[in-house]
């Protein structure tokens, strides 16, 4: 175990978090184990603005996603992934500037496959975000936070 990480965890989250981490690590050495961590946000979060200007926010159409994949996000997803997600009814929300997709994430309102044989399910009034990506030249501007708060607002307004 990384002692520096454990000290940081203890200072930030307390000894209980260190105990939880150690327990999960010990169990993972004995049996196959996968831990998924989730962060819950409230739709009433304030809308955050990115650093720098000129960004437009909204749902990203398929053709723009495919162009973003060709430019830089191709390591993370393929055209087949995009088509499968869209066919499931998932939507991609993000930021564009000058016609280029700068940042995006996928949103689902139904059970969603995470890995082969693993699917996450959640209450019908919740939204699941996955596969967030920001192009390297747009990183460091808080675009992800700006996109998330705007996506939550868009879904809340739509009911």
C-alpha atoms as a PDB file:
ATOM      1  CA  UNK A   1       0.000   0.000   0.000  1.00  0.00           C
ATOM      2  CA  UNK A   2       1.104   3.546  -0.694  1.00  0.00           C
ATOM      3  CA  UNK A   3       1.750   5.104   2.721  1.00  0.00           C
ATOM      4  CA  UNK A   4       1.701   8.654   1.356  1.00  0.00           C
ATOM      5  CA  UNK A   5      -1.763   8.007  -0.125  1.00  0.00           C
ATOM      6  CA  UNK A   6      -3.015   6.609   3.190  1.00  0.00           C
ATOM      7  CA  UNK A   7      -1.712   9.625   5.128  1.00  0.00           C
ATOM      8  CA  UNK A   8      -3.373  11.965   2.617  1.00  0.00           C
ATOM      9  CA  UNK A   9      -6.624   9.982   2.878  1.00  0.00           C
ATOM     10  CA  UNK A  10      -6.525  10.088   6.683  1.00  0.00           C
ATOM     11  CA  UNK A  11      -5.965  13.851   6.744  1.00  0.00           C
ATOM     12  CA  UNK A  12      -8.672  14.557   4.200  1.00  0.00           C
ATOM     13  CA  UNK A  13     -11.343  11.967   5.046  1.00  0.00           C
ATOM     14  CA  UNK A  14     -10.450  10.514   8.459  1.00  0.00           C
ATOM     15  CA  UNK A  15      -9.288   7.166   9.758  1.00  0.00           C
ATOM     16  CA  UNK A  16     -12.558   5.478   8.805  1.00  0.00           C
ATOM     17  CA  UNK A  17     -11.749   6.042   5.131  1.00  0.00           C
ATOM     18  CA  UNK A  18      -8.292   4.538   5.623  1.00  0.00           C
ATOM     19  CA  UNK A  19      -9.865   1.496   7.281  1.00  0.00           C
ATOM     20  CA  UNK A  20     -12.329   1.125   4.405  1.00  0.00           C
ATOM     21  CA  UNK A  21      -9.541   1.405   1.832  1.00  0.00           C
ATOM     22  CA  UNK A  22      -7.389  -1.164   3.666  1.00  0.00           C
ATOM     23  CA  UNK A  23     -10.313  -3.577   3.980  1.00  0.00           C
ATOM     24  CA  UNK A  24     -11.159  -3.342   0.288  1.00  0.00           C
ATOM     25  CA  UNK A  25      -7.497  -3.857  -0.652  1.00  0.00           C
ATOM     26  CA  UNK A  26      -7.237  -6.925   1.626  1.00  0.00           C
ATOM     27  CA  UNK A  27     -10.449  -8.498   0.297  1.00  0.00           C
ATOM     28  CA  UNK A  28      -9.301  -7.784  -3.267  1.00  0.00           C
ATOM     29  CA  UNK A  29      -6.199  -9.902  -2.690  1.00  0.00           C
ATOM     30  CA  UNK A  30      -8.351 -12.900  -1.769  1.00  0.00           C
ATOM     31  CA  UNK A  31     -11.308 -12.686  -4.182  1.00  0.00           C
ATOM     32  CA  UNK A  32     -11.922 -10.830  -7.430  1.00  0.00           C
ATOM     33  CA  UNK A  33     -13.314  -7.452  -6.454  1.00  0.00           C
ATOM     34  CA  UNK A  34     -14.324  -4.345  -8.338  1.00  0.00           C
ATOM     35  CA  UNK A  35     -15.303  -1.155  -6.542  1.00  0.00           C
ATOM     36  CA  UNK A  36     -17.315   1.508  -8.335  1.00  0.00           C
ATOM     37  CA  UNK A  37     -17.382   4.956  -6.784  1.00  0.00           C
ATOM     38  CA  UNK A  38     -20.230   7.354  -7.399  1.00  0.00           C
ATOM     39  CA  UNK A  39     -20.608  11.039  -6.725  1.00  0.00           C
ATOM     40  CA  UNK A  40     -24.090  12.399  -6.169  1.00  0.00           C
ATOM     41  CA  UNK A  41     -24.805  15.962  -7.290  1.00  0.00           C
ATOM     42  CA  UNK A  42     -27.943  17.982  -6.796  1.00  0.00           C
ATOM     43  CA  UNK A  43     -29.707  19.410  -9.848  1.00  0.00           C
ATOM     44  CA  UNK A  44     -30.002  22.704  -7.976  1.00  0.00           C
ATOM     45  CA  UNK A  45     -26.232  23.232  -8.142  1.00  0.00           C
ATOM     46  CA  UNK A  46     -25.298  26.703  -9.369  1.00  0.00           C
ATOM     47  CA  UNK A  47     -24.403  26.985 -13.045  1.00  0.00           C
ATOM     48  CA  UNK A  48     -20.626  27.245 -13.282  1.00  0.00           C
ATOM     49  CA  UNK A  49     -18.822  29.187 -15.977  1.00  0.00           C
ATOM     50  CA  UNK A  50     -15.613  27.961 -17.603  1.00  0.00           C
ATOM     51  CA  UNK A  51     -12.440  29.977 -17.591  1.00  0.00           C
ATOM     52  CA  UNK A  52     -12.055  31.663 -20.954  1.00  0.00           C
ATOM     53  CA  UNK A  53     -14.996  32.426 -23.163  1.00  0.00           C
ATOM     54  CA  UNK A  54     -16.634  31.562 -26.381  1.00  0.00           C
ATOM     55  CA  UNK A  55     -18.078  28.179 -25.400  1.00  0.00           C
ATOM     56  CA  UNK A  56     -21.565  27.041 -26.336  1.00  0.00           C
ATOM     57  CA  UNK A  57     -23.261  24.286 -24.320  1.00  0.00           C
ATOM     58  CA  UNK A  58     -25.832  21.712 -25.320  1.00  0.00           C
ATOM     59  CA  UNK A  59     -26.489  18.182 -26.475  1.00  0.00           C
ATOM     60  CA  UNK A  60     -23.863  17.100 -28.994  1.00  0.00           C
ATOM     61  CA  UNK A  61     -25.155  15.592 -32.268  1.00  0.00           C
ATOM     62  CA  UNK A  62     -23.750  12.331 -33.645  1.00  0.00           C
ATOM     63  CA  UNK A  63     -21.760  13.951 -36.493  1.00  0.00           C
ATOM     64  CA  UNK A  64     -19.950  16.285 -34.076  1.00  0.00           C
ATOM     65  CA  UNK A  65     -19.164  13.388 -31.730  1.00  0.00           C
ATOM     66  CA  UNK A  66     -17.707  11.372 -34.575  1.00  0.00           C
ATOM     67  CA  UNK A  67     -15.520  14.321 -35.562  1.00  0.00           C
ATOM     68  CA  UNK A  68     -14.332  14.679 -31.949  1.00  0.00           C
ATOM     69  CA  UNK A  69     -13.458  10.979 -31.905  1.00  0.00           C
ATOM     70  CA  UNK A  70     -11.468  11.374 -35.103  1.00  0.00           C
ATOM     71  CA  UNK A  71      -9.583  14.343 -33.652  1.00  0.00           C
ATOM     72  CA  UNK A  72      -8.637  13.153 -30.202  1.00  0.00           C
ATOM     73  CA  UNK A  73     -11.174  11.127 -28.237  1.00  0.00           C
ATOM     74  CA  UNK A  74     -10.772   8.013 -30.391  1.00  0.00           C
ATOM     75  CA  UNK A  75      -8.753   6.227 -27.727  1.00  0.00           C
ATOM     76  CA  UNK A  76     -11.739   6.378 -25.412  1.00  0.00           C
ATOM     77  CA  UNK A  77     -14.602   5.480 -27.723  1.00  0.00           C
ATOM     78  CA  UNK A  78     -15.463   4.332 -31.197  1.00  0.00           C
ATOM     79  CA  UNK A  79     -18.175   5.036 -33.731  1.00  0.00           C
ATOM     80  CA  UNK A  80     -19.796   1.747 -32.686  1.00  0.00           C
ATOM     81  CA  UNK A  81     -19.858   2.953 -29.066  1.00  0.00           C
ATOM     82  CA  UNK A  82     -21.537   6.231 -30.096  1.00  0.00           C
ATOM     83  CA  UNK A  83     -24.155   4.410 -32.152  1.00  0.00           C
ATOM     84  CA  UNK A  84     -24.840   1.896 -29.370  1.00  0.00           C
ATOM     85  CA  UNK A  85     -25.215   4.642 -26.728  1.00  0.00           C
ATOM     86  CA  UNK A  86     -27.517   6.717 -28.945  1.00  0.00           C
ATOM     87  CA  UNK A  87     -29.608   3.627 -29.762  1.00  0.00           C
ATOM     88  CA  UNK A  88     -30.069   3.035 -26.013  1.00  0.00           C
ATOM     89  CA  UNK A  89     -31.421   6.586 -25.676  1.00  0.00           C
ATOM     90  CA  UNK A  90     -28.344   8.010 -23.975  1.00  0.00           C
ATOM     91  CA  UNK A  91     -27.463  11.585 -24.759  1.00  0.00           C
ATOM     92  CA  UNK A  92     -24.164  13.388 -24.896  1.00  0.00           C
ATOM     93  CA  UNK A  93     -23.961  16.906 -23.430  1.00  0.00           C
ATOM     94  CA  UNK A  94     -20.945  19.129 -23.841  1.00  0.00           C
ATOM     95  CA  UNK A  95     -19.220  22.335 -24.771  1.00  0.00           C
ATOM     96  CA  UNK A  96     -18.175  23.467 -28.221  1.00  0.00           C
ATOM     97  CA  UNK A  97     -16.101  26.378 -29.389  1.00  0.00           C
ATOM     98  CA  UNK A  98     -15.621  27.391 -32.998  1.00  0.00           C
ATOM     99  CA  UNK A  99     -17.535  24.323 -34.142  1.00  0.00           C
ATOM    100  CA  UNK A 100     -15.139  21.982 -32.318  1.00  0.00           C
ATOM    101  CA  UNK A 101     -16.270  19.746 -29.449  1.00  0.00           C
ATOM    102  CA  UNK A 102     -14.181  20.774 -26.446  1.00  0.00           C
ATOM    103  CA  UNK A 103     -15.678  18.691 -23.634  1.00  0.00           C
ATOM    104  CA  UNK A 104     -18.508  16.205 -23.218  1.00  0.00           C
ATOM    105  CA  UNK A 105     -20.018  13.441 -21.113  1.00  0.00           C
ATOM    106  CA  UNK A 106     -22.688  10.833 -21.710  1.00  0.00           C
ATOM    107  CA  UNK A 107     -25.921  10.771 -19.693  1.00  0.00           C
ATOM    108  CA  UNK A 108     -28.297   7.868 -19.147  1.00  0.00           C
ATOM    109  CA  UNK A 109     -31.656   7.586 -17.429  1.00  0.00           C
ATOM    110  CA  UNK A 110     -31.875   3.795 -17.612  1.00  0.00           C
ATOM    111  CA  UNK A 111     -29.716   0.835 -16.497  1.00  0.00           C
ATOM    112  CA  UNK A 112     -26.347   1.181 -18.195  1.00  0.00           C
ATOM    113  CA  UNK A 113     -23.655  -1.393 -19.014  1.00  0.00           C
ATOM    114  CA  UNK A 114     -20.357  -0.531 -17.316  1.00  0.00           C
ATOM    115  CA  UNK A 115     -18.329  -3.533 -18.371  1.00  0.00           C
ATOM    116  CA  UNK A 116     -18.956  -6.977 -19.770  1.00  0.00           C
ATOM    117  CA  UNK A 117     -21.458  -8.583 -17.428  1.00  0.00           C
ATOM    118  CA  UNK A 118     -21.794  -5.502 -15.223  1.00  0.00           C
ATOM    119  CA  UNK A 119     -24.646  -2.996 -15.384  1.00  0.00           C
ATOM    120  CA  UNK A 120     -25.502  -0.095 -13.076  1.00  0.00           C
ATOM    121  CA  UNK A 121     -29.103   0.542 -12.135  1.00  0.00           C
ATOM    122  CA  UNK A 122     -30.447   3.514 -10.224  1.00  0.00           C
ATOM    123  CA  UNK A 123     -33.692   5.167  -9.246  1.00  0.00           C
ATOM    124  CA  UNK A 124     -35.787   6.569 -12.091  1.00  0.00           C
ATOM    125  CA  UNK A 125     -35.379  10.137 -10.819  1.00  0.00           C
ATOM    126  CA  UNK A 126     -31.581   9.939 -11.080  1.00  0.00           C
ATOM    127  CA  UNK A 127     -29.245  10.546 -13.984  1.00  0.00           C
ATOM    128  CA  UNK A 128     -26.060   8.567 -14.617  1.00  0.00           C
ATOM    129  CA  UNK A 129     -23.088  10.315 -16.216  1.00  0.00           C
ATOM    130  CA  UNK A 130     -20.248   8.390 -17.796  1.00  0.00           C
ATOM    131  CA  UNK A 131     -17.397   8.686 -20.294  1.00  0.00           C
ATOM    132  CA  UNK A 132     -16.518  12.308 -19.611  1.00  0.00           C
ATOM    133  CA  UNK A 133     -13.809  13.742 -21.859  1.00  0.00           C
ATOM    134  CA  UNK A 134     -12.145  17.112 -22.397  1.00  0.00           C
ATOM    135  CA  UNK A 135      -9.831  17.665 -25.355  1.00  0.00           C
ATOM    136  CA  UNK A 136      -6.261  18.379 -24.198  1.00  0.00           C
ATOM    137  CA  UNK A 137      -6.177  21.915 -25.609  1.00  0.00           C
ATOM    138  CA  UNK A 138      -9.281  22.836 -23.548  1.00  0.00           C
ATOM    139  CA  UNK A 139      -8.245  21.326 -20.206  1.00  0.00           C
ATOM    140  CA  UNK A 140      -7.750  23.451 -17.101  1.00  0.00           C
ATOM    141  CA  UNK A 141     -10.712  25.745 -17.815  1.00  0.00           C
ATOM    142  CA  UNK A 142     -13.301  24.008 -15.607  1.00  0.00           C
ATOM    143  CA  UNK A 143     -15.235  22.925 -18.682  1.00  0.00           C
ATOM    144  CA  UNK A 144     -16.259  19.607 -17.167  1.00  0.00           C
ATOM    145  CA  UNK A 145     -17.838  21.319 -14.148  1.00  0.00           C
ATOM    146  CA  UNK A 146     -19.528  23.863 -16.416  1.00  0.00           C
ATOM    147  CA  UNK A 147     -20.924  21.074 -18.616  1.00  0.00           C
ATOM    148  CA  UNK A 148     -22.161  18.997 -15.668  1.00  0.00           C
ATOM    149  CA  UNK A 149     -24.064  21.850 -14.043  1.00  0.00           C
ATOM    150  CA  UNK A 150     -25.635  22.807 -17.369  1.00  0.00           C
ATOM    151  CA  UNK A 151     -26.572  19.203 -18.179  1.00  0.00           C
ATOM    152  CA  UNK A 152     -28.196  18.798 -14.764  1.00  0.00           C
ATOM    153  CA  UNK A 153     -30.116  21.995 -15.362  1.00  0.00           C
ATOM    154  CA  UNK A 154     -31.235  20.852 -18.835  1.00  0.00           C
ATOM    155  CA  UNK A 155     -32.468  17.507 -17.517  1.00  0.00           C
ATOM    156  CA  UNK A 156     -34.174  19.133 -14.503  1.00  0.00           C
ATOM    157  CA  UNK A 157     -35.995  21.597 -16.771  1.00  0.00           C
ATOM    158  CA  UNK A 158     -37.105  18.705 -19.000  1.00  0.00           C
ATOM    159  CA  UNK A 159     -38.478  16.868 -15.966  1.00  0.00           C
END
